[in-house]
Amino acid sequence: MDFLPTLWFVIIAVLWIGYLFLEGFDLGVGMHMLLSARNDNDRRVMLNSIGPVWDGNEVWLITAGGATFAAFPFWYASLFSTLYVPLVFVLLGLIFRAVAIEYRGKGHTTRWTHGWDLALGLGSFVSAFGVGVMLVLTTTGLPIDSNGDGVGGPFGWLNGWAVLGGLAVVGFCLVHAAVFLALKTDGDVRVRSRRFAVRWMPALLIPIALWVLAVQFMNGKAYTWILVAAAVVAAVIAWRWARRGSEGRAFAGMAAFLVFGAASIFANVFPNVLPSTVSAAYDLTVSNAASSAYTLGVMSVVAAFGVPLVLVYQGWTYWVFRKRVAGTSIPEVKPVRAAVKPR
């Protein structure tokens, strides 16, 4: 197996894990603004908890897609063309979510804020569900032929695995965000978020656990059972720490659960990058889907300098905005007078 294609498979896996970890609680907070918030102050607390970091977290999705395009162009072409419909909805969801975050505070009527809250919550749900569809079908297979073209029409990808993947990422985002809000906020939002995590974590993590186990049984690699067991232990630890009110340790437990669970999935499907449900002979692998050695070499040099800079910058951002957000720290909404009187 060539070293550089394998290296970039690992890098792309790390990028997706980073995206699910960071953007996961962003998307979950958006959904919690519809599910858990009781008033406008709660919603403003939730929104302020992700305000300084949400746009930086989205960079991981762009980087993961860009790295796939450059390192494995055949993987990128087959995946994005076959899943064109759900990925369009993901894009629309991200657009509505971003616009809602920026526009929500530009008006002060109930109708205005509720409308953007709805756009934010639904946009977050659609994005999380669509990303789950894409990721689970990347690991369980898509109907692609010998040329890597999708067969079966625009909805040939739609099956039970797609639904399971969507529910898996949505469930994880809701739990991950609840633990994050318990860690990042104070007051009523903190209490209710911790209570939500303790009550719903076992149920909402079932779909992602089924995804991990399904990929494990499909591929049957013995050593990855260690990663699966570690993911289960991490989830139990996260739940126990959430019950005890140790939000930081619970958040670390959720991070470990994601890392071990995702690592088991990627390790099981390797060396495939996109299995074909039409015939195993049409599977895309790290060898037949990769770019040239020269391209991967240049990418490796750039990544060696760029990735540490991004990590340092994001780490600095989280350190600067590390304090909790409380309802008492949210200023009252005051109407802004126009600078020029209308004629």
C-alpha atoms as a PDB file:
ATOM      1  CA  MET A   1       0.000   0.000   0.000  1.00  0.00           C
ATOM      2  CA  ASP A   2       1.422   3.408  -1.001  1.00  0.00           C
ATOM      3  CA  PHE A   3       2.393   5.642   1.909  1.00  0.00           C
ATOM      4  CA  LEU A   4       1.075   9.018   0.713  1.00  0.00           C
ATOM      5  CA  PRO A   5      -2.450   7.834  -0.229  1.00  0.00           C
ATOM      6  CA  THR A   6      -2.703   6.084   3.134  1.00  0.00           C
ATOM      7  CA  LEU A   7      -1.442   9.204   4.909  1.00  0.00           C
ATOM      8  CA  TRP A   8      -4.075  11.364   3.244  1.00  0.00           C
ATOM      9  CA  PHE A   9      -6.800   8.868   4.039  1.00  0.00           C
ATOM     10  CA  VAL A  10      -5.815   9.263   7.703  1.00  0.00           C
ATOM     11  CA  ILE A  11      -5.702  13.063   7.389  1.00  0.00           C
ATOM     12  CA  ILE A  12      -9.179  13.178   5.844  1.00  0.00           C
ATOM     13  CA  ALA A  13     -10.482  10.920   8.606  1.00  0.00           C
ATOM     14  CA  VAL A  14      -8.991  13.292  11.192  1.00  0.00           C
ATOM     15  CA  LEU A  15     -10.584  16.275   9.439  1.00  0.00           C
ATOM     16  CA  TRP A  16     -14.016  14.642   9.562  1.00  0.00           C
ATOM     17  CA  ILE A  17     -13.577  13.756  13.218  1.00  0.00           C
ATOM     18  CA  GLY A  18     -12.552  17.346  13.926  1.00  0.00           C
ATOM     19  CA  TYR A  19     -15.580  18.631  12.044  1.00  0.00           C
ATOM     20  CA  LEU A  20     -18.018  16.398  13.906  1.00  0.00           C
ATOM     21  CA  PHE A  21     -16.437  17.337  17.239  1.00  0.00           C
ATOM     22  CA  LEU A  22     -16.425  21.116  16.712  1.00  0.00           C
ATOM     23  CA  GLU A  23     -19.337  21.695  14.368  1.00  0.00           C
ATOM     24  CA  GLY A  24     -21.293  18.967  16.146  1.00  0.00           C
ATOM     25  CA  PHE A  25     -22.064  21.120  19.147  1.00  0.00           C
ATOM     26  CA  ASP A  26     -22.698  24.140  16.886  1.00  0.00           C
ATOM     27  CA  LEU A  27     -25.401  22.269  14.983  1.00  0.00           C
ATOM     28  CA  GLY A  28     -26.751  20.821  18.218  1.00  0.00           C
ATOM     29  CA  VAL A  29     -27.011  24.261  19.816  1.00  0.00           C
ATOM     30  CA  GLY A  30     -29.018  25.430  16.809  1.00  0.00           C
ATOM     31  CA  MET A  31     -31.467  22.565  17.322  1.00  0.00           C
ATOM     32  CA  HIS A  32     -31.592  23.158  21.079  1.00  0.00           C
ATOM     33  CA  MET A  33     -32.726  26.738  20.438  1.00  0.00           C
ATOM     34  CA  LEU A  34     -35.990  25.179  19.254  1.00  0.00           C
ATOM     35  CA  LEU A  35     -36.106  22.187  21.620  1.00  0.00           C
ATOM     36  CA  SER A  36     -34.718  23.291  24.977  1.00  0.00           C
ATOM     37  CA  ALA A  37     -34.874  27.087  25.189  1.00  0.00           C
ATOM     38  CA  ARG A  38     -37.832  28.500  27.121  1.00  0.00           C
ATOM     39  CA  ASN A  39     -37.505  32.186  26.292  1.00  0.00           C
ATOM     40  CA  ASP A  40     -35.548  34.669  24.236  1.00  0.00           C
ATOM     41  CA  ASN A  41     -32.904  35.091  26.941  1.00  0.00           C
ATOM     42  CA  ASP A  42     -32.173  31.351  26.836  1.00  0.00           C
ATOM     43  CA  ARG A  43     -31.798  31.484  23.062  1.00  0.00           C
ATOM     44  CA  ARG A  44     -29.432  34.437  23.271  1.00  0.00           C
ATOM     45  CA  VAL A  45     -27.324  32.618  25.865  1.00  0.00           C
ATOM     46  CA  MET A  46     -27.122  29.566  23.606  1.00  0.00           C
ATOM     47  CA  LEU A  47     -26.262  31.641  20.565  1.00  0.00           C
ATOM     48  CA  ASN A  48     -23.582  33.589  22.434  1.00  0.00           C
ATOM     49  CA  SER A  49     -21.973  30.330  23.578  1.00  0.00           C
ATOM     50  CA  ILE A  50     -21.040  29.526  19.954  1.00  0.00           C
ATOM     51  CA  GLY A  51     -20.922  33.085  18.603  1.00  0.00           C
ATOM     52  CA  PRO A  52     -17.107  33.495  18.547  1.00  0.00           C
ATOM     53  CA  VAL A  53     -16.337  30.036  17.124  1.00  0.00           C
ATOM     54  CA  TRP A  54     -19.103  28.719  14.864  1.00  0.00           C
ATOM     55  CA  ASP A  55     -17.732  30.121  11.601  1.00  0.00           C
ATOM     56  CA  GLY A  56     -14.221  28.858  12.367  1.00  0.00           C
ATOM     57  CA  ASN A  57     -15.635  25.398  13.068  1.00  0.00           C
ATOM     58  CA  GLU A  58     -17.182  25.267   9.591  1.00  0.00           C
ATOM     59  CA  VAL A  59     -13.690  25.535   8.102  1.00  0.00           C
ATOM     60  CA  TRP A  60     -13.172  21.864   8.982  1.00  0.00           C
ATOM     61  CA  LEU A  61     -15.970  20.868   6.597  1.00  0.00           C
ATOM     62  CA  ILE A  62     -14.507  22.950   3.768  1.00  0.00           C
ATOM     63  CA  THR A  63     -11.047  21.566   4.449  1.00  0.00           C
ATOM     64  CA  ALA A  64     -12.299  17.970   4.529  1.00  0.00           C
ATOM     65  CA  GLY A  65     -14.086  18.449   1.200  1.00  0.00           C
ATOM     66  CA  GLY A  66     -11.123  20.254  -0.349  1.00  0.00           C
ATOM     67  CA  ALA A  67      -8.660  17.619   0.820  1.00  0.00           C
ATOM     68  CA  THR A  68     -10.855  14.874  -0.640  1.00  0.00           C
ATOM     69  CA  PHE A  69     -11.059  16.734  -3.959  1.00  0.00           C
ATOM     70  CA  ALA A  70      -7.287  17.185  -4.180  1.00  0.00           C
ATOM     71  CA  ALA A  71      -6.087  13.871  -2.736  1.00  0.00           C
ATOM     72  CA  PHE A  72      -8.786  11.509  -4.037  1.00  0.00           C
ATOM     73  CA  PRO A  73     -10.521  13.161  -7.027  1.00  0.00           C
ATOM     74  CA  PHE A  74     -12.328   9.957  -8.082  1.00  0.00           C
ATOM     75  CA  TRP A  75     -13.706   9.523  -4.555  1.00  0.00           C
ATOM     76  CA  TYR A  76     -14.848  13.143  -4.545  1.00  0.00           C
ATOM     77  CA  ALA A  77     -16.461  12.930  -7.986  1.00  0.00           C
ATOM     78  CA  SER A  78     -18.380   9.710  -7.287  1.00  0.00           C
ATOM     79  CA  LEU A  79     -19.493  10.742  -3.801  1.00  0.00           C
ATOM     80  CA  PHE A  80     -20.652  14.265  -4.579  1.00  0.00           C
ATOM     81  CA  SER A  81     -22.330  13.412  -7.880  1.00  0.00           C
ATOM     82  CA  THR A  82     -24.204  10.389  -6.506  1.00  0.00           C
ATOM     83  CA  LEU A  83     -25.294  12.291  -3.376  1.00  0.00           C
ATOM     84  CA  TYR A  84     -26.038  15.534  -5.219  1.00  0.00           C
ATOM     85  CA  VAL A  85     -29.577  15.834  -3.815  1.00  0.00           C
ATOM     86  CA  PRO A  86     -28.843  15.464  -0.083  1.00  0.00           C
ATOM     87  CA  LEU A  87     -25.694  17.592  -0.327  1.00  0.00           C
ATOM     88  CA  VAL A  88     -27.688  20.426  -1.893  1.00  0.00           C
ATOM     89  CA  PHE A  89     -29.940  20.329   1.166  1.00  0.00           C
ATOM     90  CA  VAL A  90     -26.855  20.357   3.408  1.00  0.00           C
ATOM     91  CA  LEU A  91     -25.622  23.462   1.614  1.00  0.00           C
ATOM     92  CA  LEU A  92     -29.007  25.174   1.913  1.00  0.00           C
ATOM     93  CA  GLY A  93     -29.189  24.272   5.590  1.00  0.00           C
ATOM     94  CA  LEU A  94     -25.748  25.774   6.240  1.00  0.00           C
ATOM     95  CA  ILE A  95     -26.703  28.926   4.335  1.00  0.00           C
ATOM     96  CA  PHE A  96     -29.937  29.426   6.289  1.00  0.00           C
ATOM     97  CA  ARG A  97     -28.108  28.704   9.534  1.00  0.00           C
ATOM     98  CA  ALA A  98     -25.339  31.222   8.845  1.00  0.00           C
ATOM     99  CA  VAL A  99     -27.737  33.941   7.731  1.00  0.00           C
ATOM    100  CA  ALA A 100     -29.942  33.319  10.777  1.00  0.00           C
ATOM    101  CA  ILE A 101     -27.002  33.713  13.172  1.00  0.00           C
ATOM    102  CA  GLU A 102     -26.044  37.041  11.588  1.00  0.00           C
ATOM    103  CA  TYR A 103     -29.544  38.440  11.029  1.00  0.00           C
ATOM    104  CA  ARG A 104     -31.320  37.365  14.225  1.00  0.00           C
ATOM    105  CA  GLY A 105     -30.118  40.365  16.209  1.00  0.00           C
ATOM    106  CA  LYS A 106     -30.802  42.883  13.444  1.00  0.00           C
ATOM    107  CA  GLY A 107     -34.499  43.158  14.297  1.00  0.00           C
ATOM    108  CA  HIS A 108     -36.402  43.389  17.562  1.00  0.00           C
ATOM    109  CA  THR A 109     -39.866  42.073  16.804  1.00  0.00           C
ATOM    110  CA  THR A 110     -41.064  38.692  18.023  1.00  0.00           C
ATOM    111  CA  ARG A 111     -41.932  37.642  14.497  1.00  0.00           C
ATOM    112  CA  TRP A 112     -38.437  38.525  13.278  1.00  0.00           C
ATOM    113  CA  THR A 113     -36.536  36.608  15.971  1.00  0.00           C
ATOM    114  CA  HIS A 114     -38.837  33.569  15.885  1.00  0.00           C
ATOM    115  CA  GLY A 115     -38.499  33.363  12.109  1.00  0.00           C
ATOM    116  CA  TRP A 116     -34.714  33.320  12.262  1.00  0.00           C
ATOM    117  CA  ASP A 117     -34.765  30.915  15.222  1.00  0.00           C
ATOM    118  CA  LEU A 118     -36.788  28.541  13.055  1.00  0.00           C
ATOM    119  CA  ALA A 119     -34.331  28.958  10.179  1.00  0.00           C
ATOM    120  CA  LEU A 120     -31.409  28.319  12.524  1.00  0.00           C
ATOM    121  CA  GLY A 121     -32.933  25.239  14.141  1.00  0.00           C
ATOM    122  CA  LEU A 122     -34.177  23.628  10.930  1.00  0.00           C
ATOM    123  CA  GLY A 123     -31.005  24.553   9.036  1.00  0.00           C
ATOM    124  CA  SER A 124     -28.924  22.880  11.734  1.00  0.00           C
ATOM    125  CA  PHE A 125     -31.110  19.761  11.649  1.00  0.00           C
ATOM    126  CA  VAL A 126     -31.032  19.448   7.854  1.00  0.00           C
ATOM    127  CA  SER A 127     -27.257  19.972   7.760  1.00  0.00           C
ATOM    128  CA  ALA A 128     -26.574  17.411  10.488  1.00  0.00           C
ATOM    129  CA  PHE A 129     -28.917  14.866   8.922  1.00  0.00           C
ATOM    130  CA  GLY A 130     -27.426  15.331   5.449  1.00  0.00           C
ATOM    131  CA  VAL A 131     -23.847  15.011   6.688  1.00  0.00           C
ATOM    132  CA  GLY A 132     -24.851  11.807   8.461  1.00  0.00           C
ATOM    133  CA  VAL A 133     -26.357  10.451   5.248  1.00  0.00           C
ATOM    134  CA  MET A 134     -23.158  11.163   3.347  1.00  0.00           C
ATOM    135  CA  LEU A 135     -20.821   9.696   5.952  1.00  0.00           C
ATOM    136  CA  VAL A 136     -22.755   6.482   6.558  1.00  0.00           C
ATOM    137  CA  LEU A 137     -23.134   5.791   2.834  1.00  0.00           C
ATOM    138  CA  THR A 138     -19.410   6.413   2.374  1.00  0.00           C
ATOM    139  CA  THR A 139     -18.792   3.523   4.767  1.00  0.00           C
ATOM    140  CA  THR A 140     -21.631   1.147   3.815  1.00  0.00           C
ATOM    141  CA  GLY A 141     -21.576   1.718   0.057  1.00  0.00           C
ATOM    142  CA  LEU A 142     -23.184   3.584  -2.811  1.00  0.00           C
ATOM    143  CA  PRO A 143     -24.608   2.260  -6.111  1.00  0.00           C
ATOM    144  CA  ILE A 144     -21.685   3.170  -8.393  1.00  0.00           C
ATOM    145  CA  ASP A 145     -20.611   1.383 -11.575  1.00  0.00           C
ATOM    146  CA  SER A 146     -17.174   0.645 -13.048  1.00  0.00           C
ATOM    147  CA  ASN A 147     -16.750   4.308 -14.028  1.00  0.00           C
ATOM    148  CA  GLY A 148     -17.656   5.546 -10.560  1.00  0.00           C
ATOM    149  CA  ASP A 149     -20.990   6.878 -11.809  1.00  0.00           C
ATOM    150  CA  GLY A 150     -24.077   6.556  -9.649  1.00  0.00           C
ATOM    151  CA  VAL A 151     -26.829   4.251 -10.874  1.00  0.00           C
ATOM    152  CA  GLY A 152     -30.475   4.057  -9.896  1.00  0.00           C
ATOM    153  CA  GLY A 153     -31.437   7.681 -10.486  1.00  0.00           C
ATOM    154  CA  PRO A 154     -31.216  10.741  -8.205  1.00  0.00           C
ATOM    155  CA  PHE A 155     -32.592   8.769  -5.235  1.00  0.00           C
ATOM    156  CA  GLY A 156     -30.711   5.526  -5.796  1.00  0.00           C
ATOM    157  CA  TRP A 157     -28.782   6.227  -2.581  1.00  0.00           C
ATOM    158  CA  LEU A 158     -31.919   6.399  -0.394  1.00  0.00           C
ATOM    159  CA  ASN A 159     -32.126   3.387   1.907  1.00  0.00           C
ATOM    160  CA  GLY A 160     -32.209   2.423   5.554  1.00  0.00           C
ATOM    161  CA  TRP A 161     -28.505   3.112   6.020  1.00  0.00           C
ATOM    162  CA  ALA A 162     -29.000   6.706   4.906  1.00  0.00           C
ATOM    163  CA  VAL A 163     -31.758   7.232   7.475  1.00  0.00           C
ATOM    164  CA  LEU A 164     -29.638   5.602  10.190  1.00  0.00           C
ATOM    165  CA  GLY A 165     -26.693   7.871   9.363  1.00  0.00           C
ATOM    166  CA  GLY A 166     -28.846  10.980   9.487  1.00  0.00           C
ATOM    167  CA  LEU A 167     -30.308  10.014  12.859  1.00  0.00           C
ATOM    168  CA  ALA A 168     -26.847   9.071  14.156  1.00  0.00           C
ATOM    169  CA  VAL A 169     -25.320  12.490  13.527  1.00  0.00           C
ATOM    170  CA  VAL A 170     -28.442  14.368  14.673  1.00  0.00           C
ATOM    171  CA  GLY A 171     -28.546  12.367  17.913  1.00  0.00           C
ATOM    172  CA  PHE A 172     -24.844  12.863  18.543  1.00  0.00           C
ATOM    173  CA  CYS A 173     -25.097  16.610  17.892  1.00  0.00           C
ATOM    174  CA  LEU A 174     -27.983  16.991  20.351  1.00  0.00           C
ATOM    175  CA  VAL A 175     -26.129  15.171  23.139  1.00  0.00           C
ATOM    176  CA  HIS A 176     -22.779  16.789  22.347  1.00  0.00           C
ATOM    177  CA  ALA A 177     -24.380  20.246  22.369  1.00  0.00           C
ATOM    178  CA  ALA A 178     -26.159  19.575  25.660  1.00  0.00           C
ATOM    179  CA  VAL A 179     -22.857  18.684  27.313  1.00  0.00           C
ATOM    180  CA  PHE A 180     -21.207  21.716  25.674  1.00  0.00           C
ATOM    181  CA  LEU A 181     -23.944  24.067  26.892  1.00  0.00           C
ATOM    182  CA  ALA A 182     -23.642  22.650  30.401  1.00  0.00           C
ATOM    183  CA  LEU A 183     -19.906  23.390  30.205  1.00  0.00           C
ATOM    184  CA  LYS A 184     -20.118  26.806  28.515  1.00  0.00           C
ATOM    185  CA  THR A 185     -23.169  28.429  30.147  1.00  0.00           C
ATOM    186  CA  ASP A 186     -24.462  29.162  33.615  1.00  0.00           C
ATOM    187  CA  GLY A 187     -27.872  29.449  35.209  1.00  0.00           C
ATOM    188  CA  ASP A 188     -31.033  27.792  33.925  1.00  0.00           C
ATOM    189  CA  VAL A 189     -29.547  26.847  30.548  1.00  0.00           C
ATOM    190  CA  ARG A 190     -26.710  25.014  32.260  1.00  0.00           C
ATOM    191  CA  VAL A 191     -29.041  23.068  34.553  1.00  0.00           C
ATOM    192  CA  ARG A 192     -31.486  22.077  31.825  1.00  0.00           C
ATOM    193  CA  SER A 193     -28.699  21.141  29.397  1.00  0.00           C
ATOM    194  CA  ARG A 194     -27.078  18.840  31.942  1.00  0.00           C
ATOM    195  CA  ARG A 195     -30.457  17.296  32.719  1.00  0.00           C
ATOM    196  CA  PHE A 196     -31.087  16.756  28.974  1.00  0.00           C
ATOM    197  CA  ALA A 197     -27.690  15.075  28.532  1.00  0.00           C
ATOM    198  CA  VAL A 198     -28.232  12.714  31.449  1.00  0.00           C
ATOM    199  CA  ARG A 199     -31.765  11.801  30.407  1.00  0.00           C
ATOM    200  CA  TRP A 200     -31.360  11.443  26.665  1.00  0.00           C
ATOM    201  CA  MET A 201     -27.726  10.427  26.092  1.00  0.00           C
ATOM    202  CA  PRO A 202     -28.359   6.638  26.190  1.00  0.00           C
ATOM    203  CA  ALA A 203     -31.243   6.863  23.703  1.00  0.00           C
ATOM    204  CA  LEU A 204     -29.818   9.447  21.290  1.00  0.00           C
ATOM    205  CA  LEU A 205     -26.489   7.637  20.936  1.00  0.00           C
ATOM    206  CA  ILE A 206     -28.156   4.370  19.870  1.00  0.00           C
ATOM    207  CA  PRO A 207     -28.172   5.207  16.106  1.00  0.00           C
ATOM    208  CA  ILE A 208     -24.465   6.075  16.029  1.00  0.00           C
ATOM    209  CA  ALA A 209     -23.686   2.953  18.077  1.00  0.00           C
ATOM    210  CA  LEU A 210     -25.622   0.866  15.527  1.00  0.00           C
ATOM    211  CA  TRP A 211     -23.633   2.477  12.718  1.00  0.00           C
ATOM    212  CA  VAL A 212     -20.334   1.618  14.421  1.00  0.00           C
ATOM    213  CA  LEU A 213     -21.411  -1.969  15.065  1.00  0.00           C
ATOM    214  CA  ALA A 214     -22.802  -2.421  11.535  1.00  0.00           C
ATOM    215  CA  VAL A 215     -19.514  -1.381   9.939  1.00  0.00           C
ATOM    216  CA  GLN A 216     -17.663  -3.588  12.416  1.00  0.00           C
ATOM    217  CA  PHE A 217     -19.684  -6.687  11.513  1.00  0.00           C
ATOM    218  CA  MET A 218     -19.536  -5.921   7.774  1.00  0.00           C
ATOM    219  CA  ASN A 219     -15.759  -5.821   7.695  1.00  0.00           C
ATOM    220  CA  GLY A 220     -14.893  -8.089  10.612  1.00  0.00           C
ATOM    221  CA  LYS A 221     -11.477  -6.728  11.568  1.00  0.00           C
ATOM    222  CA  ALA A 222     -10.608  -8.149  14.952  1.00  0.00           C
ATOM    223  CA  TYR A 223      -8.327  -5.380  16.218  1.00  0.00           C
ATOM    224  CA  THR A 224     -10.975  -2.683  15.745  1.00  0.00           C
ATOM    225  CA  TRP A 225     -13.077  -4.284  18.485  1.00  0.00           C
ATOM    226  CA  ILE A 226     -10.646  -2.581  20.852  1.00  0.00           C
ATOM    227  CA  LEU A 227     -11.698   0.802  19.462  1.00  0.00           C
ATOM    228  CA  VAL A 228     -15.384  -0.127  19.687  1.00  0.00           C
ATOM    229  CA  ALA A 229     -14.978  -1.179  23.318  1.00  0.00           C
ATOM    230  CA  ALA A 230     -13.105   2.047  24.088  1.00  0.00           C
ATOM    231  CA  ALA A 231     -15.936   4.082  22.526  1.00  0.00           C
ATOM    232  CA  VAL A 232     -18.519   2.302  24.700  1.00  0.00           C
ATOM    233  CA  VAL A 233     -16.450   2.908  27.834  1.00  0.00           C
ATOM    234  CA  ALA A 234     -16.015   6.587  26.924  1.00  0.00           C
ATOM    235  CA  ALA A 235     -19.776   7.032  26.454  1.00  0.00           C
ATOM    236  CA  VAL A 236     -20.513   5.444  29.833  1.00  0.00           C
ATOM    237  CA  ILE A 237     -17.896   7.632  31.504  1.00  0.00           C
ATOM    238  CA  ALA A 238     -19.315  10.762  29.837  1.00  0.00           C
ATOM    239  CA  TRP A 239     -22.801   9.901  31.089  1.00  0.00           C
ATOM    240  CA  ARG A 240     -21.584   9.230  34.636  1.00  0.00           C
ATOM    241  CA  TRP A 241     -19.641  12.492  34.784  1.00  0.00           C
ATOM    242  CA  ALA A 242     -22.644  14.383  33.430  1.00  0.00           C
ATOM    243  CA  ARG A 243     -24.755  12.916  36.247  1.00  0.00           C
ATOM    244  CA  ARG A 244     -22.183  14.119  38.782  1.00  0.00           C
ATOM    245  CA  GLY A 245     -22.143  17.626  37.308  1.00  0.00           C
ATOM    246  CA  SER A 246     -18.547  17.442  36.043  1.00  0.00           C
ATOM    247  CA  GLU A 247     -19.216  19.090  32.696  1.00  0.00           C
ATOM    248  CA  GLY A 248     -15.579  19.324  31.581  1.00  0.00           C
ATOM    249  CA  ARG A 249     -14.931  15.632  32.104  1.00  0.00           C
ATOM    250  CA  ALA A 250     -18.242  14.744  30.462  1.00  0.00           C
ATOM    251  CA  PHE A 251     -17.262  16.836  27.436  1.00  0.00           C
ATOM    252  CA  ALA A 252     -13.897  15.059  27.290  1.00  0.00           C
ATOM    253  CA  GLY A 253     -15.741  11.735  27.468  1.00  0.00           C
ATOM    254  CA  MET A 254     -17.894  12.700  24.485  1.00  0.00           C
ATOM    255  CA  ALA A 255     -14.746  13.654  22.588  1.00  0.00           C
ATOM    256  CA  ALA A 256     -13.187  10.269  23.347  1.00  0.00           C
ATOM    257  CA  PHE A 257     -16.398   8.497  22.301  1.00  0.00           C
ATOM    258  CA  LEU A 258     -16.334  10.263  18.934  1.00  0.00           C
ATOM    259  CA  VAL A 259     -12.622   9.662  18.331  1.00  0.00           C
ATOM    260  CA  PHE A 260     -12.715   5.947  19.156  1.00  0.00           C
ATOM    261  CA  GLY A 261     -16.013   5.309  17.364  1.00  0.00           C
ATOM    262  CA  ALA A 262     -15.015   7.163  14.189  1.00  0.00           C
ATOM    263  CA  ALA A 263     -11.548   5.601  14.237  1.00  0.00           C
ATOM    264  CA  SER A 264     -13.106   2.136  14.298  1.00  0.00           C
ATOM    265  CA  ILE A 265     -15.280   3.005  11.289  1.00  0.00           C
ATOM    266  CA  PHE A 266     -12.436   4.400   9.183  1.00  0.00           C
ATOM    267  CA  ALA A 267     -10.108   1.567  10.177  1.00  0.00           C
ATOM    268  CA  ASN A 268     -12.718  -1.010   9.200  1.00  0.00           C
ATOM    269  CA  VAL A 269     -13.424   0.389   5.733  1.00  0.00           C
ATOM    270  CA  PHE A 270      -9.732   0.918   4.883  1.00  0.00           C
ATOM    271  CA  PRO A 271      -8.385   0.553   2.195  1.00  0.00           C
ATOM    272  CA  ASN A 272     -11.768   1.321   0.611  1.00  0.00           C
ATOM    273  CA  VAL A 273     -12.744   4.973   0.384  1.00  0.00           C
ATOM    274  CA  LEU A 274     -16.114   4.316  -1.269  1.00  0.00           C
ATOM    275  CA  PRO A 275     -17.522   0.777  -1.519  1.00  0.00           C
ATOM    276  CA  SER A 276     -19.849  -0.069  -4.394  1.00  0.00           C
ATOM    277  CA  THR A 277     -23.124  -1.867  -3.700  1.00  0.00           C
ATOM    278  CA  VAL A 278     -23.271  -2.918  -7.360  1.00  0.00           C
ATOM    279  CA  SER A 279     -20.086  -5.009  -7.297  1.00  0.00           C
ATOM    280  CA  ALA A 280     -17.047  -5.225  -5.054  1.00  0.00           C
ATOM    281  CA  ALA A 281     -14.942  -4.957  -8.219  1.00  0.00           C
ATOM    282  CA  TYR A 282     -16.087  -1.334  -8.535  1.00  0.00           C
ATOM    283  CA  ASP A 283     -14.948  -0.283  -5.049  1.00  0.00           C
ATOM    284  CA  LEU A 284     -12.856   2.863  -4.893  1.00  0.00           C
ATOM    285  CA  THR A 285      -9.729   2.417  -2.776  1.00  0.00           C
ATOM    286  CA  VAL A 286      -6.855   4.578  -1.571  1.00  0.00           C
ATOM    287  CA  SER A 287      -4.859   3.246  -4.527  1.00  0.00           C
ATOM    288  CA  ASN A 288      -7.203   3.573  -7.493  1.00  0.00           C
ATOM    289  CA  ALA A 289      -8.882   6.827  -6.363  1.00  0.00           C
ATOM    290  CA  ALA A 290      -5.785   8.817  -5.376  1.00  0.00           C
ATOM    291  CA  SER A 291      -4.033  11.684  -7.131  1.00  0.00           C
ATOM    292  CA  SER A 292      -0.473  11.406  -8.386  1.00  0.00           C
ATOM    293  CA  ALA A 293       2.422  11.044  -5.972  1.00  0.00           C
ATOM    294  CA  TYR A 294       3.631  14.544  -6.909  1.00  0.00           C
ATOM    295  CA  THR A 295       0.268  16.121  -6.019  1.00  0.00           C
ATOM    296  CA  LEU A 296       0.086  14.291  -2.714  1.00  0.00           C
ATOM    297  CA  GLY A 297       3.690  15.262  -1.938  1.00  0.00           C
ATOM    298  CA  VAL A 298       3.021  18.971  -2.499  1.00  0.00           C
ATOM    299  CA  MET A 299      -0.155  18.738  -0.408  1.00  0.00           C
ATOM    300  CA  SER A 300       1.789  17.071   2.402  1.00  0.00           C
ATOM    301  CA  VAL A 301       4.344  19.908   2.498  1.00  0.00           C
ATOM    302  CA  VAL A 302       1.621  22.560   2.582  1.00  0.00           C
ATOM    303  CA  ALA A 303      -0.337  20.676   5.246  1.00  0.00           C
ATOM    304  CA  ALA A 304       2.770  20.311   7.410  1.00  0.00           C
ATOM    305  CA  PHE A 305       2.871  24.109   7.761  1.00  0.00           C
ATOM    306  CA  GLY A 306      -0.822  25.006   7.448  1.00  0.00           C
ATOM    307  CA  VAL A 307      -2.491  22.538   9.796  1.00  0.00           C
ATOM    308  CA  PRO A 308      -0.457  23.494  12.909  1.00  0.00           C
ATOM    309  CA  LEU A 309      -1.220  27.178  12.288  1.00  0.00           C
ATOM    310  CA  VAL A 310      -4.952  26.474  12.081  1.00  0.00           C
ATOM    311  CA  LEU A 311      -4.836  24.380  15.256  1.00  0.00           C
ATOM    312  CA  VAL A 312      -2.934  27.071  17.154  1.00  0.00           C
ATOM    313  CA  TYR A 313      -5.311  29.797  15.992  1.00  0.00           C
ATOM    314  CA  GLN A 314      -8.429  27.848  16.903  1.00  0.00           C
ATOM    315  CA  GLY A 315      -6.960  26.852  20.241  1.00  0.00           C
ATOM    316  CA  TRP A 316      -6.197  30.517  20.977  1.00  0.00           C
ATOM    317  CA  THR A 317      -9.761  31.482  20.043  1.00  0.00           C
ATOM    318  CA  TYR A 318     -11.269  28.966  22.439  1.00  0.00           C
ATOM    319  CA  TRP A 319      -8.908  30.101  25.188  1.00  0.00           C
ATOM    320  CA  VAL A 320      -9.856  33.766  24.773  1.00  0.00           C
ATOM    321  CA  PHE A 321     -13.579  32.971  24.877  1.00  0.00           C
ATOM    322  CA  ARG A 322     -13.341  30.269  27.546  1.00  0.00           C
ATOM    323  CA  LYS A 323     -15.582  31.879  30.176  1.00  0.00           C
ATOM    324  CA  ARG A 324     -19.174  30.817  30.745  1.00  0.00           C
ATOM    325  CA  VAL A 325     -22.112  32.731  29.325  1.00  0.00           C
ATOM    326  CA  ALA A 326     -24.914  33.496  31.789  1.00  0.00           C
ATOM    327  CA  GLY A 327     -28.373  34.930  31.289  1.00  0.00           C
ATOM    328  CA  THR A 328     -27.526  37.839  33.574  1.00  0.00           C
ATOM    329  CA  SER A 329     -24.699  38.883  31.253  1.00  0.00           C
ATOM    330  CA  ILE A 330     -27.009  39.271  28.254  1.00  0.00           C
ATOM    331  CA  PRO A 331     -27.935  42.966  27.839  1.00  0.00           C
ATOM    332  CA  GLU A 332     -31.527  44.021  27.322  1.00  0.00           C
ATOM    333  CA  VAL A 333     -32.676  44.592  23.779  1.00  0.00           C
ATOM    334  CA  LYS A 334     -33.044  48.284  23.106  1.00  0.00           C
ATOM    335  CA  PRO A 335     -34.548  49.780  19.951  1.00  0.00           C
ATOM    336  CA  VAL A 336     -32.064  51.598  17.749  1.00  0.00           C
ATOM    337  CA  ARG A 337     -33.128  54.932  16.311  1.00  0.00           C
ATOM    338  CA  ALA A 338     -32.493  55.652  12.680  1.00  0.00           C
ATOM    339  CA  ALA A 339     -29.588  58.002  12.019  1.00  0.00           C
ATOM    340  CA  VAL A 340     -31.588  59.825   9.329  1.00  0.00           C
ATOM    341  CA  LYS A 341     -35.280  60.581   9.662  1.00  0.00           C
ATOM    342  CA  PRO A 342     -37.379  59.186   6.828  1.00  0.00           C
ATOM    343  CA  ARG A 343     -38.999  61.778   4.578  1.00  0.00           C
END
